[in-house]
Protein backbone atom coordinates (compact mmCIF):
# COMPACT_ATOMS: atom_id res chain seq x y z
CA MET A 1 1.95 100.91 -97.28
CA LYS A 2 -0.61 99.38 -94.92
CA ILE A 3 1.20 100.82 -91.92
CA VAL A 4 0.99 104.29 -93.36
CA LYS A 5 -2.75 103.95 -93.86
CA SER A 6 -3.29 102.76 -90.31
CA LEU A 7 -1.25 105.57 -88.82
CA GLY A 8 -3.23 108.11 -90.81
CA LEU A 9 -6.63 106.90 -89.76
CA ALA A 10 -5.58 106.61 -86.17
CA LEU A 11 -4.34 110.18 -86.18
CA ILE A 12 -7.55 111.43 -87.69
CA ALA A 13 -9.59 109.67 -85.08
CA ILE A 14 -7.35 110.98 -82.35
CA THR A 15 -7.59 114.53 -83.58
CA VAL A 16 -11.36 114.52 -83.48
CA ILE A 17 -11.49 113.25 -79.91
CA ALA A 18 -8.55 115.03 -78.27
CA ALA A 19 -10.13 118.16 -76.80
CA VAL A 20 -11.42 117.91 -73.23
CA PRO A 21 -14.00 118.22 -71.87
CA VAL A 22 -15.94 116.24 -74.40
CA ASN A 23 -19.36 117.61 -75.15
CA MET A 24 -21.24 115.52 -77.67
CA ASN A 25 -24.88 116.20 -76.88
CA THR A 26 -26.61 114.07 -79.49
CA ASP A 27 -29.93 114.10 -77.62
CA GLN A 28 -30.17 117.88 -78.03
CA ASN A 29 -29.13 117.63 -81.68
CA GLU A 30 -31.91 115.12 -82.38
CA LYS A 31 -34.49 117.31 -80.59
CA ASN A 32 -33.42 120.18 -82.84
CA GLY A 33 -33.96 118.03 -85.92
CA HIS A 34 -30.28 117.21 -86.42
CA ASN A 35 -29.22 113.63 -86.87
CA HIS A 36 -25.44 113.94 -87.23
CA ASP A 37 -23.12 111.44 -88.82
CA ILE A 38 -19.79 110.56 -87.17
CA VAL A 39 -17.83 113.29 -88.96
CA SER A 40 -20.38 116.01 -88.13
CA LEU A 41 -20.30 115.03 -84.45
CA ALA A 42 -16.51 115.16 -84.45
CA VAL A 43 -16.45 118.55 -86.19
CA GLU A 44 -18.73 119.96 -83.47
CA THR A 45 -16.55 118.53 -80.68
CA ASP A 46 -13.59 120.76 -79.85
CA VAL A 47 -11.54 117.96 -78.30
CA LEU A 48 -11.65 116.06 -81.57
CA SER A 49 -10.36 118.81 -83.86
CA THR A 50 -7.05 117.02 -84.44
CA LEU A 51 -8.87 113.86 -85.42
CA VAL A 52 -11.00 115.84 -87.84
CA ALA A 53 -7.89 117.33 -89.42
CA ALA A 54 -6.38 113.86 -89.76
CA VAL A 55 -9.51 112.40 -91.31
CA GLN A 56 -9.55 115.25 -93.80
CA ALA A 57 -5.86 114.81 -94.62
CA ALA A 58 -6.39 111.08 -95.16
CA GLY A 59 -9.37 111.65 -97.45
CA LEU A 60 -11.68 109.62 -95.20
CA VAL A 61 -14.46 112.17 -94.67
CA GLU A 62 -16.84 110.65 -97.25
CA THR A 63 -16.22 107.15 -95.93
CA LEU A 64 -17.05 108.13 -92.35
CA GLN A 65 -20.12 110.02 -93.55
CA SER A 66 -21.43 106.98 -95.44
CA GLU A 67 -24.23 104.73 -94.22
CA GLY A 68 -22.03 102.50 -92.07
CA PRO A 69 -22.65 101.60 -89.37
CA PHE A 70 -19.24 102.21 -87.80
CA THR A 71 -17.83 102.17 -84.30
CA VAL A 72 -15.09 104.78 -83.93
CA PHE A 73 -12.61 104.88 -81.07
CA ALA A 74 -11.84 108.58 -81.29
CA PRO A 75 -8.64 109.89 -79.69
CA THR A 76 -8.74 113.33 -78.13
CA ASN A 77 -6.51 116.23 -79.09
CA GLU A 78 -4.47 115.50 -75.97
CA ALA A 79 -3.99 111.93 -77.17
CA PHE A 80 -2.52 113.18 -80.43
CA ALA A 81 -0.38 115.71 -78.58
CA ALA A 82 1.12 112.85 -76.54
CA LEU A 83 2.61 111.23 -79.66
CA PRO A 84 6.37 111.66 -80.03
CA GLU A 85 7.31 115.16 -81.18
CA GLY A 86 6.89 115.61 -84.93
CA THR A 87 4.84 112.42 -85.42
CA LEU A 88 1.51 114.10 -86.07
CA GLU A 89 2.99 116.71 -88.37
CA SER A 90 4.77 113.98 -90.32
CA LEU A 91 1.63 111.87 -90.64
CA LEU A 92 -0.32 114.81 -92.02
CA LEU A 93 2.11 115.19 -94.94
CA GLU A 94 0.80 114.01 -98.32
CA GLU A 95 3.69 111.54 -98.72
CA ASN A 96 2.59 109.78 -95.50
CA ARG A 97 -1.11 109.61 -96.36
CA GLU A 98 -1.17 105.80 -96.60
CA MET A 99 0.33 105.49 -93.10
CA LEU A 100 -2.23 107.94 -91.75
CA ILE A 101 -5.03 105.91 -93.33
CA GLU A 102 -3.67 102.73 -91.70
CA ILE A 103 -3.67 104.37 -88.28
CA LEU A 104 -7.09 105.95 -88.61
CA THR A 105 -8.76 102.80 -89.93
CA TYR A 106 -7.29 100.96 -86.92
CA HIS A 107 -9.62 103.14 -84.80
CA VAL A 108 -12.72 102.00 -86.71
CA VAL A 109 -14.70 98.77 -86.31
CA PRO A 110 -17.44 97.82 -88.77
CA GLY A 111 -20.89 97.77 -87.18
CA LYS A 112 -22.36 99.59 -84.20
CA VAL A 113 -20.85 98.32 -80.94
CA MET A 114 -22.32 99.92 -77.83
CA SER A 115 -20.66 99.68 -74.42
CA GLY A 116 -23.30 97.18 -73.32
CA ASP A 117 -22.12 94.84 -76.09
CA LEU A 118 -18.58 94.67 -74.70
CA SER A 119 -17.03 91.93 -72.61
CA ASP A 120 -13.65 91.71 -70.94
CA GLY A 121 -10.96 90.30 -73.21
CA MET A 122 -13.04 90.47 -76.38
CA THR A 123 -11.37 91.34 -79.67
CA ALA A 124 -12.81 93.25 -82.60
CA GLU A 125 -11.44 93.34 -86.11
CA THR A 126 -10.83 96.88 -87.34
CA VAL A 127 -11.38 98.30 -90.82
CA GLN A 128 -7.56 98.35 -91.09
CA GLY A 129 -7.63 94.52 -90.92
CA THR A 130 -6.11 93.73 -87.53
CA SER A 131 -7.87 93.46 -84.18
CA VAL A 132 -8.09 95.52 -81.02
CA THR A 133 -8.60 94.05 -77.55
CA ILE A 134 -11.21 95.36 -75.14
CA ASN A 135 -10.60 95.10 -71.40
CA ILE A 136 -13.06 95.93 -68.65
CA ASN A 137 -12.10 96.34 -65.00
CA ASN A 138 -13.05 98.36 -61.92
CA TYR A 139 -11.45 101.44 -63.49
CA GLY A 140 -13.40 101.31 -66.74
CA VAL A 141 -12.99 100.15 -70.31
CA THR A 142 -9.81 100.17 -72.38
CA VAL A 143 -9.13 99.54 -76.06
CA ASN A 144 -5.57 98.29 -76.53
CA GLY A 145 -4.73 100.11 -73.30
CA ALA A 146 -6.41 103.41 -74.24
CA SER A 147 -9.06 104.41 -71.70
CA VAL A 148 -12.57 105.17 -72.91
CA VAL A 149 -13.35 108.64 -71.52
CA GLN A 150 -16.80 108.93 -73.07
CA ALA A 151 -18.81 106.00 -74.40
CA ASP A 152 -21.86 105.50 -76.57
CA VAL A 153 -22.07 108.81 -78.43
CA GLU A 154 -24.59 107.82 -81.06
CA ALA A 155 -24.51 109.11 -84.61
CA SER A 156 -26.81 108.51 -87.56
CA ASN A 157 -24.26 106.04 -88.99
CA GLY A 158 -22.81 104.44 -85.88
CA VAL A 159 -21.31 105.22 -82.49
CA VAL A 160 -18.25 107.04 -81.15
CA HIS A 161 -16.29 106.09 -78.03
CA VAL A 162 -13.79 108.80 -77.09
CA ILE A 163 -10.38 107.48 -75.97
CA ASP A 164 -7.39 109.11 -74.27
CA THR A 165 -4.60 107.58 -76.38
CA VAL A 166 -3.90 107.07 -80.06
CA ILE A 167 -3.74 103.34 -80.64
CA LEU A 168 -1.31 102.03 -83.23
CA PRO A 169 -1.35 98.74 -85.13
CA GLN A 170 1.53 96.46 -84.13
CA PRO A 171 3.68 97.02 -87.25
CA ALA A 172 3.35 100.79 -86.79
CA GLN A 173 4.31 100.58 -83.12
CA ALA A 174 7.50 98.72 -84.03
CA SER A 175 8.60 101.56 -86.31
CA TYR A 176 8.33 104.25 -83.61
């Protein structure tokens, strides 16, 4: 049951982030009087449309619009498309909602963690309940091997870091 929830959340996050290039101009939004929450930012970002669909299917919209703060590692549409054929479609089915929630919540860390707060080898416990590992090298930052393609996109209730791969909790990885 927990695996299904994690897979769902991960897919939602991935869907929101997947489209490239990523254009999340929060500075312009704030100048125009808009202070968007994480979901609103994702909805306005084409490369994250799959993630948005996943979050909606998992019933996590209200949660990710709440006060937070949250740090979301958002997979791009391309990241979701790279999953084995049929995986995304299967996760979006009502009977797999718990797995989707597990996956999506694995992409969310409580609190607001900016890139400047990161250190090589650090771990962060996810909302799903297990941890992700952050690595920093000459090539950039990775979260469980997924590269951060855009960091520090601030929202009214946290921050989004766009990643190029859907990350899966260990039990979910074993089943694929």
